[in-house]
């Protein structure tokens, strides 16, 4: 999570740059289950840019495997 926190100011600038386009910024946390409450608290307190969701099953979640995510932060563009 901490590497992603360092990227957040840059992500907010990027979101602002593309705010009038057909694009959504989605943050997917892959924290382990033991860190879920810490993640929820961070989201509530810091209100990061974009849509924030939590992947089930951390590094073994379907999205992480399907898109070959092997490090974070990871930026992926998906066409609507």
PDB file of N, CA and C in Angstrom:
ATOM      1  N   UNK A   1       0.823  -1.193   0.000  1.00  0.00           N
ATOM      2  CA  UNK A   1       0.000   0.000   0.000  1.00  0.00           C
ATOM      3  C   UNK A   1       0.865   1.253   0.000  1.00  0.00           C
ATOM      4  N   UNK A   2       2.022   1.231   0.633  1.00  0.00           N
ATOM      5  CA  UNK A   2       2.806   2.452   0.808  1.00  0.00           C
ATOM      6  C   UNK A   2       3.374   2.974  -0.506  1.00  0.00           C
ATOM      7  N   UNK A   3       3.749   2.077  -1.423  1.00  0.00           N
ATOM      8  CA  UNK A   3       4.224   2.539  -2.729  1.00  0.00           C
ATOM      9  C   UNK A   3       3.113   3.279  -3.454  1.00  0.00           C
ATOM     10  N   UNK A   4       1.908   2.796  -3.314  1.00  0.00           N
ATOM     11  CA  UNK A   4       0.767   3.438  -3.969  1.00  0.00           C
ATOM     12  C   UNK A   4       0.473   4.811  -3.359  1.00  0.00           C
ATOM     13  N   UNK A   5       0.665   4.949  -2.071  1.00  0.00           N
ATOM     14  CA  UNK A   5       0.420   6.235  -1.409  1.00  0.00           C
ATOM     15  C   UNK A   5       1.334   7.306  -1.996  1.00  0.00           C
ATOM     16  N   UNK A   6       2.558   6.957  -2.278  1.00  0.00           N
ATOM     17  CA  UNK A   6       3.508   7.915  -2.861  1.00  0.00           C
ATOM     18  C   UNK A   6       3.068   8.370  -4.248  1.00  0.00           C
ATOM     19  N   UNK A   7       2.320   7.543  -4.958  1.00  0.00           N
ATOM     20  CA  UNK A   7       1.858   7.867  -6.310  1.00  0.00           C
ATOM     21  C   UNK A   7       0.582   8.706  -6.323  1.00  0.00           C
ATOM     22  N   UNK A   8      -0.124   8.794  -5.224  1.00  0.00           N
ATOM     23  CA  UNK A   8      -1.431   9.449  -5.193  1.00  0.00           C
ATOM     24  C   UNK A   8      -1.438  10.911  -5.653  1.00  0.00           C
ATOM     25  N   UNK A   9      -0.483  11.726  -5.283  1.00  0.00           N
ATOM     26  CA  UNK A   9      -0.519  13.110  -5.788  1.00  0.00           C
ATOM     27  C   UNK A   9      -0.441  13.173  -7.318  1.00  0.00           C
ATOM     28  N   UNK A  10       0.330  12.290  -7.909  1.00  0.00           N
ATOM     29  CA  UNK A  10       0.448  12.265  -9.367  1.00  0.00           C
ATOM     30  C   UNK A  10      -0.841  11.762 -10.013  1.00  0.00           C
ATOM     31  N   UNK A  11      -1.474  10.792  -9.364  1.00  0.00           N
ATOM     32  CA  UNK A  11      -2.733  10.268  -9.864  1.00  0.00           C
ATOM     33  C   UNK A  11      -3.823  11.332  -9.809  1.00  0.00           C
ATOM     34  N   UNK A  12      -3.855  12.117  -8.743  1.00  0.00           N
ATOM     35  CA  UNK A  12      -4.851  13.189  -8.635  1.00  0.00           C
ATOM     36  C   UNK A  12      -4.670  14.209  -9.760  1.00  0.00           C
ATOM     37  N   UNK A  13      -3.432  14.540 -10.084  1.00  0.00           N
ATOM     38  CA  UNK A  13      -3.170  15.470 -11.190  1.00  0.00           C
ATOM     39  C   UNK A  13      -3.630  14.874 -12.509  1.00  0.00           C
ATOM     40  N   UNK A  14      -3.382  13.597 -12.694  1.00  0.00           N
ATOM     41  CA  UNK A  14      -3.791  12.922 -13.919  1.00  0.00           C
ATOM     42  C   UNK A  14      -5.311  12.883 -14.036  1.00  0.00           C
ATOM     43  N   UNK A  15      -5.981  12.608 -12.946  1.00  0.00           N
ATOM     44  CA  UNK A  15      -7.444  12.611 -12.954  1.00  0.00           C
ATOM     45  C   UNK A  15      -7.986  13.989 -13.329  1.00  0.00           C
ATOM     46  N   UNK A  16      -7.387  15.012 -12.786  1.00  0.00           N
ATOM     47  CA  UNK A  16      -7.821  16.375 -13.101  1.00  0.00           C
ATOM     48  C   UNK A  16      -7.631  16.668 -14.590  1.00  0.00           C
ATOM     49  N   UNK A  17      -6.532  16.224 -15.134  1.00  0.00           N
ATOM     50  CA  UNK A  17      -6.230  16.445 -16.546  1.00  0.00           C
ATOM     51  C   UNK A  17      -7.266  15.769 -17.458  1.00  0.00           C
ATOM     52  N   UNK A  18      -7.790  14.635 -17.042  1.00  0.00           N
ATOM     53  CA  UNK A  18      -8.716  13.858 -17.874  1.00  0.00           C
ATOM     54  C   UNK A  18     -10.162  13.894 -17.374  1.00  0.00           C
ATOM     55  N   UNK A  19     -10.504  14.840 -16.533  1.00  0.00           N
ATOM     56  CA  UNK A  19     -11.820  14.845 -15.893  1.00  0.00           C
ATOM     57  C   UNK A  19     -12.989  14.967 -16.864  1.00  0.00           C
ATOM     58  N   UNK A  20     -12.828  15.537 -18.013  1.00  0.00           N
ATOM     59  CA  UNK A  20     -13.927  15.702 -18.957  1.00  0.00           C
ATOM     60  C   UNK A  20     -13.912  14.663 -20.071  1.00  0.00           C
ATOM     61  N   UNK A  21     -13.265  13.556 -19.831  1.00  0.00           N
ATOM     62  CA  UNK A  21     -13.182  12.486 -20.834  1.00  0.00           C
ATOM     63  C   UNK A  21     -13.846  11.225 -20.303  1.00  0.00           C
ATOM     64  N   UNK A  22     -14.078  10.309 -21.204  1.00  0.00           N
ATOM     65  CA  UNK A  22     -14.718   9.043 -20.843  1.00  0.00           C
ATOM     66  C   UNK A  22     -13.693   8.099 -20.226  1.00  0.00           C
ATOM     67  N   UNK A  23     -13.297   8.414 -18.990  1.00  0.00           N
ATOM     68  CA  UNK A  23     -12.292   7.600 -18.304  1.00  0.00           C
ATOM     69  C   UNK A  23     -12.613   7.583 -16.808  1.00  0.00           C
ATOM     70  N   UNK A  24     -12.433   6.433 -16.216  1.00  0.00           N
ATOM     71  CA  UNK A  24     -12.607   6.305 -14.769  1.00  0.00           C
ATOM     72  C   UNK A  24     -11.304   5.774 -14.190  1.00  0.00           C
ATOM     73  N   UNK A  25     -10.901   6.321 -13.089  1.00  0.00           N
ATOM     74  CA  UNK A  25      -9.701   5.878 -12.401  1.00  0.00           C
ATOM     75  C   UNK A  25     -10.137   4.991 -11.233  1.00  0.00           C
ATOM     76  N   UNK A  26      -9.650   3.776 -11.242  1.00  0.00           N
ATOM     77  CA  UNK A  26     -10.052   2.798 -10.232  1.00  0.00           C
ATOM     78  C   UNK A  26      -8.808   2.281  -9.521  1.00  0.00           C
ATOM     79  N   UNK A  27      -8.809   2.400  -8.227  1.00  0.00           N
ATOM     80  CA  UNK A  27      -7.728   1.848  -7.419  1.00  0.00           C
ATOM     81  C   UNK A  27      -8.176   0.522  -6.832  1.00  0.00           C
ATOM     82  N   UNK A  28      -7.394  -0.510  -7.063  1.00  0.00           N
ATOM     83  CA  UNK A  28      -7.723  -1.830  -6.530  1.00  0.00           C
ATOM     84  C   UNK A  28      -6.656  -2.209  -5.513  1.00  0.00           C
ATOM     85  N   UNK A  29      -7.053  -2.273  -4.274  1.00  0.00           N
ATOM     86  CA  UNK A  29      -6.122  -2.657  -3.227  1.00  0.00           C
ATOM     87  C   UNK A  29      -6.001  -4.173  -3.186  1.00  0.00           C
ATOM     88  N   UNK A  30      -4.791  -4.652  -3.031  1.00  0.00           N
ATOM     89  CA  UNK A  30      -4.581  -6.092  -2.921  1.00  0.00           C
ATOM     90  C   UNK A  30      -4.016  -6.437  -1.545  1.00  0.00           C
ATOM     91  N   UNK A  31      -4.435  -5.674  -0.567  1.00  0.00           N
ATOM     92  CA  UNK A  31      -3.994  -5.939   0.801  1.00  0.00           C
ATOM     93  C   UNK A  31      -4.500  -7.290   1.285  1.00  0.00           C
ATOM     94  N   UNK A  32      -3.762  -7.898   2.178  1.00  0.00           N
ATOM     95  CA  UNK A  32      -4.173  -9.150   2.808  1.00  0.00           C
ATOM     96  C   UNK A  32      -5.368  -8.880   3.710  1.00  0.00           C
ATOM     97  N   UNK A  33      -6.143  -9.909   3.968  1.00  0.00           N
ATOM     98  CA  UNK A  33      -7.355  -9.768   4.769  1.00  0.00           C
ATOM     99  C   UNK A  33      -7.091  -9.125   6.128  1.00  0.00           C
ATOM    100  N   UNK A  34      -5.930  -9.391   6.713  1.00  0.00           N
ATOM    101  CA  UNK A  34      -5.613  -8.825   8.024  1.00  0.00           C
ATOM    102  C   UNK A  34      -5.480  -7.301   7.974  1.00  0.00           C
ATOM    103  N   UNK A  35      -5.324  -6.736   6.778  1.00  0.00           N
ATOM    104  CA  UNK A  35      -5.162  -5.284   6.624  1.00  0.00           C
ATOM    105  C   UNK A  35      -6.415  -4.579   6.117  1.00  0.00           C
ATOM    106  N   UNK A  36      -7.516  -5.294   5.977  1.00  0.00           N
ATOM    107  CA  UNK A  36      -8.736  -4.693   5.421  1.00  0.00           C
ATOM    108  C   UNK A  36      -9.177  -3.458   6.195  1.00  0.00           C
ATOM    109  N   UNK A  37      -9.220  -3.543   7.516  1.00  0.00           N
ATOM    110  CA  UNK A  37      -9.689  -2.405   8.314  1.00  0.00           C
ATOM    111  C   UNK A  37      -8.734  -1.221   8.195  1.00  0.00           C
ATOM    112  N   UNK A  38      -7.452  -1.487   8.136  1.00  0.00           N
ATOM    113  CA  UNK A  38      -6.456  -0.430   7.951  1.00  0.00           C
ATOM    114  C   UNK A  38      -6.687   0.268   6.609  1.00  0.00           C
ATOM    115  N   UNK A  39      -6.976  -0.527   5.558  1.00  0.00           N
ATOM    116  CA  UNK A  39      -7.257   0.018   4.231  1.00  0.00           C
ATOM    117  C   UNK A  39      -8.524   0.869   4.270  1.00  0.00           C
ATOM    118  N   UNK A  40      -9.594   0.342   4.871  1.00  0.00           N
ATOM    119  CA  UNK A  40     -10.862   1.088   4.955  1.00  0.00           C
ATOM    120  C   UNK A  40     -10.676   2.416   5.696  1.00  0.00           C
ATOM    121  N   UNK A  41      -9.918   2.387   6.759  1.00  0.00           N
ATOM    122  CA  UNK A  41      -9.652   3.592   7.531  1.00  0.00           C
ATOM    123  C   UNK A  41      -8.880   4.612   6.698  1.00  0.00           C
ATOM    124  N   UNK A  42      -7.892   4.132   5.949  1.00  0.00           N
ATOM    125  CA  UNK A  42      -7.115   5.018   5.087  1.00  0.00           C
ATOM    126  C   UNK A  42      -8.015   5.676   4.051  1.00  0.00           C
ATOM    127  N   UNK A  43      -8.871   4.910   3.406  1.00  0.00           N
ATOM    128  CA  UNK A  43      -9.774   5.435   2.380  1.00  0.00           C
ATOM    129  C   UNK A  43     -10.705   6.481   2.987  1.00  0.00           C
ATOM    130  N   UNK A  44     -11.221   6.191   4.150  1.00  0.00           N
ATOM    131  CA  UNK A  44     -12.127   7.127   4.820  1.00  0.00           C
ATOM    132  C   UNK A  44     -11.418   8.425   5.196  1.00  0.00           C
ATOM    133  N   UNK A  45     -10.205   8.324   5.727  1.00  0.00           N
ATOM    134  CA  UNK A  45      -9.468   9.488   6.215  1.00  0.00           C
ATOM    135  C   UNK A  45      -8.824  10.319   5.100  1.00  0.00           C
ATOM    136  N   UNK A  46      -8.284   9.658   4.102  1.00  0.00           N
ATOM    137  CA  UNK A  46      -7.504  10.357   3.074  1.00  0.00           C
ATOM    138  C   UNK A  46      -8.289  10.647   1.793  1.00  0.00           C
ATOM    139  N   UNK A  47      -9.413   9.996   1.615  1.00  0.00           N
ATOM    140  CA  UNK A  47     -10.235  10.133   0.413  1.00  0.00           C
ATOM    141  C   UNK A  47      -9.397  10.291  -0.868  1.00  0.00           C
ATOM    142  N   UNK A  48      -8.701   9.239  -1.235  1.00  0.00           N
ATOM    143  CA  UNK A  48      -7.891   9.307  -2.460  1.00  0.00           C
ATOM    144  C   UNK A  48      -8.762   9.482  -3.699  1.00  0.00           C
ATOM    145  N   UNK A  49      -8.135   9.906  -4.763  1.00  0.00           N
ATOM    146  CA  UNK A  49      -8.841  10.136  -6.015  1.00  0.00           C
ATOM    147  C   UNK A  49      -9.386   8.840  -6.586  1.00  0.00           C
ATOM    148  N   UNK A  50     -10.400   8.957  -7.389  1.00  0.00           N
ATOM    149  CA  UNK A  50     -10.932   7.807  -8.112  1.00  0.00           C
ATOM    150  C   UNK A  50     -11.799   6.896  -7.270  1.00  0.00           C
ATOM    151  N   UNK A  51     -12.151   5.792  -7.869  1.00  0.00           N
ATOM    152  CA  UNK A  51     -12.959   4.760  -7.234  1.00  0.00           C
ATOM    153  C   UNK A  51     -12.000   3.794  -6.552  1.00  0.00           C
ATOM    154  N   UNK A  52     -12.247   3.503  -5.308  1.00  0.00           N
ATOM    155  CA  UNK A  52     -11.352   2.623  -4.550  1.00  0.00           C
ATOM    156  C   UNK A  52     -12.080   1.335  -4.188  1.00  0.00           C
ATOM    157  N   UNK A  53     -11.516   0.209  -4.588  1.00  0.00           N
ATOM    158  CA  UNK A  53     -12.103  -1.081  -4.242  1.00  0.00           C
ATOM    159  C   UNK A  53     -11.022  -2.002  -3.692  1.00  0.00           C
ATOM    160  N   UNK A  54     -11.476  -3.057  -3.055  1.00  0.00           N
ATOM    161  CA  UNK A  54     -10.571  -4.014  -2.427  1.00  0.00           C
ATOM    162  C   UNK A  54     -10.725  -5.358  -3.123  1.00  0.00           C
ATOM    163  N   UNK A  55      -9.640  -5.877  -3.674  1.00  0.00           N
ATOM    164  CA  UNK A  55      -9.675  -7.184  -4.328  1.00  0.00           C
ATOM    165  C   UNK A  55      -9.809  -8.272  -3.275  1.00  0.00           C
ATOM    166  N   UNK A  56     -10.614  -9.253  -3.585  1.00  0.00           N
ATOM    167  CA  UNK A  56     -10.699 -10.389  -2.666  1.00  0.00           C
ATOM    168  C   UNK A  56      -9.479 -11.287  -2.881  1.00  0.00           C
ATOM    169  N   UNK A  57      -9.064 -11.937  -1.875  1.00  0.00           N
ATOM    170  CA  UNK A  57      -8.006 -12.940  -1.988  1.00  0.00           C
ATOM    171  C   UNK A  57      -6.642 -12.358  -2.366  1.00  0.00           C
ATOM    172  N   UNK A  58      -6.367 -11.132  -1.990  1.00  0.00           N
ATOM    173  CA  UNK A  58      -5.127 -10.379  -2.231  1.00  0.00           C
ATOM    174  C   UNK A  58      -4.431 -10.771  -3.537  1.00  0.00           C
ATOM    175  N   UNK A  59      -3.199 -11.217  -3.525  1.00  0.00           N
ATOM    176  CA  UNK A  59      -2.447 -11.498  -4.759  1.00  0.00           C
ATOM    177  C   UNK A  59      -3.024 -12.652  -5.562  1.00  0.00           C
ATOM    178  N   UNK A  60      -3.946 -13.393  -4.996  1.00  0.00           N
ATOM    179  CA  UNK A  60      -4.555 -14.515  -5.697  1.00  0.00           C
ATOM    180  C   UNK A  60      -5.920 -14.178  -6.287  1.00  0.00           C
ATOM    181  N   UNK A  61      -6.305 -12.913  -6.258  1.00  0.00           N
ATOM    182  CA  UNK A  61      -7.604 -12.538  -6.805  1.00  0.00           C
ATOM    183  C   UNK A  61      -7.620 -12.726  -8.320  1.00  0.00           C
ATOM    184  N   UNK A  62      -8.798 -12.930  -8.858  1.00  0.00           N
ATOM    185  CA  UNK A  62      -8.954 -13.189 -10.293  1.00  0.00           C
ATOM    186  C   UNK A  62      -8.416 -12.026 -11.124  1.00  0.00           C
ATOM    187  N   UNK A  63      -8.716 -10.787 -10.731  1.00  0.00           N
ATOM    188  CA  UNK A  63      -8.252  -9.641 -11.510  1.00  0.00           C
ATOM    189  C   UNK A  63      -6.728  -9.602 -11.555  1.00  0.00           C
ATOM    190  N   UNK A  64      -6.099  -9.787 -10.435  1.00  0.00           N
ATOM    191  CA  UNK A  64      -4.639  -9.740 -10.349  1.00  0.00           C
ATOM    192  C   UNK A  64      -4.019 -10.812 -11.247  1.00  0.00           C
ATOM    193  N   UNK A  65      -4.585 -11.992 -11.227  1.00  0.00           N
ATOM    194  CA  UNK A  65      -4.071 -13.079 -12.071  1.00  0.00           C
ATOM    195  C   UNK A  65      -4.397 -12.851 -13.546  1.00  0.00           C
ATOM    196  N   UNK A  66      -5.637 -12.453 -13.847  1.00  0.00           N
ATOM    197  CA  UNK A  66      -6.055 -12.272 -15.243  1.00  0.00           C
ATOM    198  C   UNK A  66      -5.265 -11.186 -15.959  1.00  0.00           C
ATOM    199  N   UNK A  67      -4.855 -10.161 -15.227  1.00  0.00           N
ATOM    200  CA  UNK A  67      -4.119  -9.052 -15.840  1.00  0.00           C
ATOM    201  C   UNK A  67      -2.622  -9.096 -15.519  1.00  0.00           C
ATOM    202  N   UNK A  68      -2.168 -10.210 -15.025  1.00  0.00           N
ATOM    203  CA  UNK A  68      -0.741 -10.447 -14.752  1.00  0.00           C
ATOM    204  C   UNK A  68      -0.096  -9.331 -13.931  1.00  0.00           C
ATOM    205  N   UNK A  69      -0.783  -8.900 -12.904  1.00  0.00           N
ATOM    206  CA  UNK A  69      -0.228  -7.882 -12.013  1.00  0.00           C
ATOM    207  C   UNK A  69       0.778  -8.568 -11.095  1.00  0.00           C
ATOM    208  N   UNK A  70       2.030  -8.145 -11.185  1.00  0.00           N
ATOM    209  CA  UNK A  70       3.058  -8.769 -10.359  1.00  0.00           C
ATOM    210  C   UNK A  70       3.819  -7.760  -9.510  1.00  0.00           C
ATOM    211  N   UNK A  71       3.397  -6.493  -9.558  1.00  0.00           N
ATOM    212  CA  UNK A  71       3.997  -5.467  -8.717  1.00  0.00           C
ATOM    213  C   UNK A  71       3.023  -4.307  -8.602  1.00  0.00           C
ATOM    214  N   UNK A  72       3.233  -3.487  -7.584  1.00  0.00           N
ATOM    215  CA  UNK A  72       2.389  -2.309  -7.411  1.00  0.00           C
ATOM    216  C   UNK A  72       3.266  -1.094  -7.194  1.00  0.00           C
ATOM    217  N   UNK A  73       2.827   0.079  -7.556  1.00  0.00           N
ATOM    218  CA  UNK A  73       1.574   0.327  -8.263  1.00  0.00           C
ATOM    219  C   UNK A  73       1.651  -0.164  -9.705  1.00  0.00           C
ATOM    220  N   UNK A  74       0.506  -0.448 -10.255  1.00  0.00           N
ATOM    221  CA  UNK A  74       0.400  -0.917 -11.638  1.00  0.00           C
ATOM    222  C   UNK A  74      -0.694  -0.110 -12.309  1.00  0.00           C
ATOM    223  N   UNK A  75      -0.433   0.397 -13.472  1.00  0.00           N
ATOM    224  CA  UNK A  75      -1.421   1.181 -14.216  1.00  0.00           C
ATOM    225  C   UNK A  75      -1.829   0.405 -15.446  1.00  0.00           C
ATOM    226  N   UNK A  76      -3.137   0.237 -15.614  1.00  0.00           N
ATOM    227  CA  UNK A  76      -3.680  -0.542 -16.715  1.00  0.00           C
ATOM    228  C   UNK A  76      -4.783   0.299 -17.362  1.00  0.00           C
ATOM    229  N   UNK A  77      -4.746   0.395 -18.686  1.00  0.00           N
ATOM    230  CA  UNK A  77      -5.817   1.057 -19.420  1.00  0.00           C
ATOM    231  C   UNK A  77      -6.726  -0.006 -20.002  1.00  0.00           C
ATOM    232  N   UNK A  78      -8.030   0.121 -19.752  1.00  0.00           N
ATOM    233  CA  UNK A  78      -9.008  -0.829 -20.269  1.00  0.00           C
ATOM    234  C   UNK A  78     -10.024  -0.047 -21.088  1.00  0.00           C
ATOM    235  N   UNK A  79     -10.175  -0.397 -22.326  1.00  0.00           N
ATOM    236  CA  UNK A  79     -11.100   0.274 -23.235  1.00  0.00           C
ATOM    237  C   UNK A  79     -12.544  -0.039 -22.830  1.00  0.00           C
ATOM    238  N   UNK A  80     -13.427   1.004 -22.857  1.00  0.00           N
ATOM    239  CA  UNK A  80     -14.832   0.745 -22.485  1.00  0.00           C
ATOM    240  C   UNK A  80     -15.476  -0.254 -23.416  1.00  0.00           C
TER     241      UNK A  80
END
